[in-house]
């Protein structure tokens, strides 16, 4: 076999590869697991290409050399490769990811929430009586809307850049905190690069897209949150651990005018006794910003295209390198 699908989860195998396998015949149509590699290593001795998605098994360098001695590439039809990629990359095996394909729905979801948050939608939705209608209408006047409102983006990686492209259709001022972004890149994107305190102090809506690493854990704390403008919102589709949960609870209890939209939390899911469940100025969704339904097929399609570019000697678009790993979500 030259190409296999290596994936521990039957569910993700079906979600991502169903259409991929139906329409293409160059890849073995079976799903293989790490146990398959261990039980029949001779079966995989000629494999050059591995396709995978969420639940790609972790392999050590020694295991890769033993079970996949001729492997050239891993085509990962999902987002972050941080948890498994390093041993492959250290062996010179090329790794490609559908991080952009998976980031597209996250960016679309985030941009939609930003626009609605600027209008006060989340605070004012679900009117149930004429009295609520009148009070909601009066409260609505506190929100700035989108016209020249300030939107703060934490992180200008692939998702952050796509959010910027979407927001360019609106008359908003975009502030960005990203230590890896140069002033020249900020100018090219048409945004203003700022430090965290200024971003929180000036932004009517803050949306988190920071990479997940030791430097970003707990980076959003009470000292930043308490400086948010009146009637502002914070959106987190990044990682839950980047917001100090207790600090957010304290802030939301003190500031009824501030709203939090959390697609990720710390822990995830929250403990049943978490006060975030009970706060009227907080909405929690179950990590739904990423790919769903037919969007899963885009993940496989991106890797199929990468595979064709590789075998025809064309430039790759979505290759992951060792030096990129610390910056990835």
Protein backbone atom coordinates (compact mmCIF):
# COMPACT_ATOMS: atom_id res chain seq x y z
CA UNK A 1 0.00 0.00 0.00
CA UNK A 2 1.24 3.45 -0.88
CA UNK A 3 -1.43 5.53 0.91
CA UNK A 4 -3.46 4.76 4.03
CA UNK A 5 -5.84 6.50 6.41
CA UNK A 6 -4.57 6.34 10.00
CA UNK A 7 -7.29 7.35 12.44
CA UNK A 8 -8.38 6.05 15.84
CA UNK A 9 -11.97 7.31 15.68
CA UNK A 10 -14.59 5.74 13.43
CA UNK A 11 -16.77 8.84 13.92
CA UNK A 12 -14.18 11.28 12.55
CA UNK A 13 -13.21 8.83 9.82
CA UNK A 14 -16.83 8.85 8.63
CA UNK A 15 -17.31 12.62 9.02
CA UNK A 16 -14.19 13.67 7.15
CA UNK A 17 -13.43 10.92 4.65
CA UNK A 18 -16.83 9.60 3.55
CA UNK A 19 -17.10 11.76 0.43
CA UNK A 20 -13.33 11.74 -0.02
CA UNK A 21 -13.28 7.94 -0.34
CA UNK A 22 -16.40 7.76 -2.47
CA UNK A 23 -14.96 10.04 -5.13
CA UNK A 24 -11.28 8.98 -5.10
CA UNK A 25 -9.60 5.63 -5.56
CA UNK A 26 -5.88 6.30 -5.04
CA UNK A 27 -6.04 5.67 -1.28
CA UNK A 28 -6.79 2.45 0.60
CA UNK A 29 -10.39 2.82 1.74
CA UNK A 30 -9.93 1.12 5.10
CA UNK A 31 -9.36 2.86 8.41
CA UNK A 32 -6.21 1.79 10.23
CA UNK A 33 -5.24 2.40 13.85
CA UNK A 34 -2.03 2.32 15.84
CA UNK A 35 -2.95 -1.20 16.96
CA UNK A 36 -3.02 -2.24 13.30
CA UNK A 37 0.50 -0.89 12.85
CA UNK A 38 1.72 -2.82 15.87
CA UNK A 39 -0.02 -6.09 15.02
CA UNK A 40 0.95 -6.20 11.33
CA UNK A 41 4.00 -3.99 10.75
CA UNK A 42 4.94 -5.75 7.50
CA UNK A 43 1.64 -4.61 5.98
CA UNK A 44 2.69 -0.95 6.17
CA UNK A 45 6.36 -1.23 5.22
CA UNK A 46 5.83 0.46 1.82
CA UNK A 47 3.46 3.23 2.92
CA UNK A 48 4.59 6.63 1.62
CA UNK A 49 1.57 8.73 2.51
CA UNK A 50 -0.64 8.84 5.59
CA UNK A 51 -3.96 10.66 5.61
CA UNK A 52 -5.55 11.39 8.97
CA UNK A 53 -7.84 13.71 10.91
CA UNK A 54 -8.84 14.26 14.55
CA UNK A 55 -7.68 11.23 16.58
CA UNK A 56 -4.46 10.78 14.62
CA UNK A 57 -2.49 8.40 16.90
CA UNK A 58 0.65 9.63 18.60
CA UNK A 59 3.80 7.86 17.48
CA UNK A 60 7.35 8.16 18.76
CA UNK A 61 10.30 8.53 16.40
CA UNK A 62 11.23 4.88 17.01
CA UNK A 63 7.67 3.74 16.29
CA UNK A 64 7.56 5.72 13.06
CA UNK A 65 10.85 4.23 11.89
CA UNK A 66 9.66 0.74 12.83
CA UNK A 67 6.10 0.75 11.45
CA UNK A 68 6.28 3.35 8.66
CA UNK A 69 9.89 3.20 7.43
CA UNK A 70 9.18 4.69 3.98
CA UNK A 71 6.75 7.38 5.06
CA UNK A 72 7.21 10.71 3.25
CA UNK A 73 4.17 12.78 4.20
CA UNK A 74 1.30 13.09 6.65
CA UNK A 75 -1.78 14.81 5.23
CA UNK A 76 -3.83 15.87 8.26
CA UNK A 77 -7.44 16.75 7.40
CA UNK A 78 -8.07 18.81 10.55
CA UNK A 79 -6.57 21.80 12.35
CA UNK A 80 -3.86 21.76 14.99
CA UNK A 81 -1.07 19.19 14.61
CA UNK A 82 0.76 20.18 17.80
CA UNK A 83 -0.05 17.03 19.74
CA UNK A 84 1.47 14.55 17.26
CA UNK A 85 3.62 16.28 14.61
CA UNK A 86 7.01 16.82 16.26
CA UNK A 87 8.40 13.24 15.95
CA UNK A 88 7.46 13.14 12.25
CA UNK A 89 9.02 16.52 11.54
CA UNK A 90 12.23 15.60 13.37
CA UNK A 91 12.54 12.59 11.07
CA UNK A 92 12.19 14.79 8.00
CA UNK A 93 8.66 13.59 7.23
CA UNK A 94 6.59 16.41 5.84
CA UNK A 95 3.35 17.31 7.59
CA UNK A 96 0.45 19.18 5.99
CA UNK A 97 -2.64 20.41 7.79
CA UNK A 98 -6.10 21.68 6.88
CA UNK A 99 -5.72 24.42 9.47
CA UNK A 100 -6.97 27.01 7.00
CA UNK A 101 -9.97 24.92 5.97
CA UNK A 102 -10.87 24.34 9.62
CA UNK A 103 -10.25 27.98 10.40
CA UNK A 104 -12.69 29.29 7.79
CA UNK A 105 -15.87 28.38 9.74
CA UNK A 106 -14.28 29.62 12.98
CA UNK A 107 -13.55 32.98 11.37
CA UNK A 108 -17.05 33.17 9.86
CA UNK A 109 -18.62 32.30 13.21
CA UNK A 110 -16.47 34.85 15.06
CA UNK A 111 -17.15 37.64 12.58
CA UNK A 112 -20.89 36.99 12.80
CA UNK A 113 -20.75 37.19 16.59
CA UNK A 114 -18.67 40.38 16.45
CA UNK A 115 -21.27 42.13 14.29
CA UNK A 116 -24.18 40.95 16.43
CA UNK A 117 -22.35 41.84 19.66
CA UNK A 118 -21.73 45.38 18.40
CA UNK A 119 -25.49 45.74 17.99
CA UNK A 120 -26.22 44.40 21.48
CA UNK A 121 -28.03 41.36 20.09
CA UNK A 122 -26.91 38.90 22.75
CA UNK A 123 -27.88 41.17 25.62
CA UNK A 124 -31.21 42.15 24.11
CA UNK A 125 -32.44 38.95 22.44
CA UNK A 126 -35.41 36.80 23.46
CA UNK A 127 -37.99 39.46 24.29
CA UNK A 128 -40.98 37.78 25.97
CA UNK A 129 -43.36 40.63 26.81
CA UNK A 130 -44.25 44.21 25.83
CA UNK A 131 -42.49 45.41 28.98
CA UNK A 132 -39.30 43.59 28.01
CA UNK A 133 -39.64 45.00 24.51
CA UNK A 134 -39.77 48.57 25.82
CA UNK A 135 -36.85 48.11 28.22
CA UNK A 136 -34.80 46.35 25.54
CA UNK A 137 -35.49 49.15 23.09
CA UNK A 138 -34.31 51.73 25.60
CA UNK A 139 -31.19 49.72 26.54
CA UNK A 140 -30.34 49.27 22.85
CA UNK A 141 -29.39 52.94 22.60
CA UNK A 142 -26.25 52.23 24.62
CA UNK A 143 -24.68 50.11 21.85
CA UNK A 144 -22.48 51.67 19.20
CA UNK A 145 -23.34 49.37 16.31
CA UNK A 146 -20.66 48.75 13.67
CA UNK A 147 -20.02 52.20 12.21
CA UNK A 148 -16.44 53.05 13.25
CA UNK A 149 -16.72 50.94 16.36
CA UNK A 150 -13.45 49.44 17.62
CA UNK A 151 -12.98 45.68 17.36
CA UNK A 152 -10.01 44.10 19.14
CA UNK A 153 -8.57 40.86 17.79
CA UNK A 154 -6.20 38.81 19.92
CA UNK A 155 -4.02 37.02 17.40
CA UNK A 156 -3.55 37.59 13.68
CA UNK A 157 -2.79 34.05 12.60
CA UNK A 158 -4.75 32.33 9.88
CA UNK A 159 -8.10 32.67 11.68
CA UNK A 160 -7.44 36.24 12.79
CA UNK A 161 -6.46 37.27 9.27
CA UNK A 162 -9.63 35.74 7.85
CA UNK A 163 -11.71 37.60 10.44
CA UNK A 164 -9.96 40.79 9.36
CA UNK A 165 -10.84 40.11 5.71
CA UNK A 166 -14.51 39.62 6.61
CA UNK A 167 -14.62 42.73 8.82
CA UNK A 168 -13.19 44.81 5.98
CA UNK A 169 -16.73 44.72 4.57
CA UNK A 170 -17.79 46.86 7.54
CA UNK A 171 -16.78 50.33 8.74
CA UNK A 172 -14.99 49.14 11.87
CA UNK A 173 -11.64 50.07 13.38
CA UNK A 174 -9.60 46.91 13.91
CA UNK A 175 -7.04 46.75 16.71
CA UNK A 176 -4.76 43.70 16.87
CA UNK A 177 -2.53 42.25 19.56
CA UNK A 178 -0.09 39.75 18.10
CA UNK A 179 3.59 39.58 19.18
CA UNK A 180 4.48 37.82 15.91
CA UNK A 181 2.95 40.45 13.63
CA UNK A 182 5.21 43.23 12.34
CA UNK A 183 4.14 46.85 11.95
CA UNK A 184 4.58 46.40 8.20
CA UNK A 185 2.19 43.44 8.18
CA UNK A 186 -0.33 45.39 10.25
CA UNK A 187 -0.20 48.22 7.74
CA UNK A 188 -0.63 45.74 4.88
CA UNK A 189 -3.72 44.27 6.58
CA UNK A 190 -5.13 47.71 7.31
CA UNK A 191 -5.19 47.24 11.09
CA UNK A 192 -3.51 48.91 14.05
CA UNK A 193 -1.11 46.86 16.15
CA UNK A 194 -1.47 47.58 19.87
CA UNK A 195 -0.53 46.12 23.22
CA UNK A 196 -3.07 44.23 25.33
CA UNK A 197 -4.00 47.03 27.76
CA UNK A 198 -4.83 49.45 24.95
CA UNK A 199 -6.81 46.81 23.07
CA UNK A 200 -9.04 46.02 26.04
CA UNK A 201 -9.41 49.67 27.01
CA UNK A 202 -10.51 50.77 23.54
CA UNK A 203 -12.39 47.81 22.02
CA UNK A 204 -16.17 47.56 22.07
CA UNK A 205 -15.84 43.91 21.04
CA UNK A 206 -12.84 41.69 21.81
CA UNK A 207 -12.39 38.35 19.99
CA UNK A 208 -9.72 35.84 21.02
CA UNK A 209 -7.73 33.93 18.38
CA UNK A 210 -4.37 33.53 20.13
CA UNK A 211 -2.18 30.49 19.65
CA UNK A 212 -2.29 28.00 22.51
CA UNK A 213 1.01 27.92 24.40
CA UNK A 214 2.48 28.51 27.86
CA UNK A 215 2.78 32.25 27.19
CA UNK A 216 -0.94 32.69 26.43
CA UNK A 217 -2.45 30.65 29.28
CA UNK A 218 -4.22 33.02 31.64
CA UNK A 219 -3.27 36.03 29.53
CA UNK A 220 -6.80 37.50 29.80
CA UNK A 221 -7.17 38.39 33.46
CA UNK A 222 -9.19 40.68 35.70
CA UNK A 223 -6.81 43.62 35.30
CA UNK A 224 -7.53 43.63 31.57
CA UNK A 225 -11.21 42.75 31.76
CA UNK A 226 -12.08 45.52 34.20
CA UNK A 227 -10.89 48.15 31.70
CA UNK A 228 -13.38 47.14 29.00
CA UNK A 229 -15.61 50.01 27.79
CA UNK A 230 -19.28 50.20 28.80
CA UNK A 231 -21.60 47.84 26.92
CA UNK A 232 -18.75 45.84 25.42
CA UNK A 233 -18.43 42.12 24.68
CA UNK A 234 -15.72 39.48 24.77
CA UNK A 235 -15.79 36.45 22.45
CA UNK A 236 -13.65 33.36 22.92
CA UNK A 237 -13.36 30.82 20.11
CA UNK A 238 -9.65 30.31 20.82
CA UNK A 239 -8.78 28.30 23.91
CA UNK A 240 -10.54 28.32 27.27
CA UNK A 241 -7.36 28.46 29.34
CA UNK A 242 -6.42 31.83 27.86
CA UNK A 243 -9.08 33.49 30.04
CA UNK A 244 -8.75 33.20 33.82
CA UNK A 245 -12.20 31.77 34.53
CA UNK A 246 -12.55 33.11 38.08
CA UNK A 247 -11.51 36.58 36.89
CA UNK A 248 -14.12 36.49 34.13
CA UNK A 249 -16.83 35.46 36.60
CA UNK A 250 -15.86 38.30 38.93
CA UNK A 251 -15.91 40.79 36.06
CA UNK A 252 -19.29 39.68 34.71
CA UNK A 253 -20.84 39.82 38.18
CA UNK A 254 -19.52 43.35 38.67
CA UNK A 255 -20.37 44.59 35.18
CA UNK A 256 -23.87 43.68 34.00
CA UNK A 257 -23.30 45.76 30.86
CA UNK A 258 -20.47 43.49 29.64
CA UNK A 259 -21.34 40.28 27.76
CA UNK A 260 -19.23 37.12 27.30
CA UNK A 261 -19.67 34.68 24.41
CA UNK A 262 -17.75 31.50 25.18
CA UNK A 263 -17.39 28.69 22.67
CA UNK A 264 -14.47 27.33 24.69
CA UNK A 265 -14.04 27.28 28.46
CA UNK A 266 -11.60 26.19 31.15
CA UNK A 267 -12.30 23.46 32.06
CA UNK A 268 -14.25 22.18 29.07
CA UNK A 269 -16.99 21.45 29.80
CA UNK A 270 -17.32 23.62 32.89
CA UNK A 271 -18.02 22.01 36.23
CA UNK A 272 -21.74 21.72 36.92
CA UNK A 273 -21.51 24.27 39.75
CA UNK A 274 -19.79 26.94 37.63
CA UNK A 275 -21.34 30.39 38.07
CA UNK A 276 -20.91 31.04 34.35
CA UNK A 277 -23.95 28.84 33.71
CA UNK A 278 -26.08 31.13 35.87
CA UNK A 279 -25.04 34.57 34.63
CA UNK A 280 -27.45 36.41 32.35
CA UNK A 281 -24.58 38.23 30.64
CA UNK A 282 -22.82 35.06 29.48
CA UNK A 283 -23.65 32.65 26.66
CA UNK A 284 -21.87 29.30 26.40
CA UNK A 285 -21.82 27.12 23.30
CA UNK A 286 -20.37 23.62 23.06
CA UNK A 287 -17.24 24.28 20.98
CA UNK A 288 -19.23 24.62 17.75
CA UNK A 289 -17.26 27.30 15.90
CA UNK A 290 -15.21 24.76 13.93
CA UNK A 291 -16.21 22.55 11.03
CA UNK A 292 -19.58 20.81 10.95
CA UNK A 293 -21.70 18.92 8.42
CA UNK A 294 -20.50 19.43 4.87
CA UNK A 295 -17.66 21.64 6.16
CA UNK A 296 -15.85 18.44 7.20
CA UNK A 297 -15.49 17.52 3.53
CA UNK A 298 -13.49 20.69 2.92
CA UNK A 299 -10.85 19.38 5.34
CA UNK A 300 -10.29 16.26 3.25
CA UNK A 301 -10.45 18.24 -0.01
CA UNK A 302 -7.64 20.55 1.12
CA UNK A 303 -5.41 17.54 1.83
CA UNK A 304 -6.33 15.82 -1.41
CA UNK A 305 -5.21 18.97 -3.22
CA UNK A 306 -1.99 19.08 -1.16
CA UNK A 307 -1.32 15.46 -2.08
CA UNK A 308 -1.74 16.19 -5.80
CA UNK A 309 0.56 19.21 -5.53
CA UNK A 310 3.17 17.04 -3.81
CA UNK A 311 3.18 14.16 -6.29
CA UNK A 312 3.29 16.61 -9.24
CA UNK A 313 6.17 18.61 -7.75
CA UNK A 314 4.16 21.80 -7.23
CA UNK A 315 4.53 24.27 -4.37
CA UNK A 316 2.65 23.31 -1.19
CA UNK A 317 0.24 25.68 0.55
CA UNK A 318 -0.32 24.24 4.00
CA UNK A 319 2.91 22.67 5.18
CA UNK A 320 3.79 22.70 8.89
CA UNK A 321 7.39 23.07 10.01
CA UNK A 322 9.05 22.63 13.39
CA UNK A 323 9.53 26.35 13.94
CA UNK A 324 5.80 26.93 13.35
CA UNK A 325 4.63 24.62 16.15
CA UNK A 326 4.94 27.14 19.03
CA UNK A 327 2.80 29.65 17.14
CA UNK A 328 -0.02 27.29 16.25
CA UNK A 329 -3.31 27.14 18.14
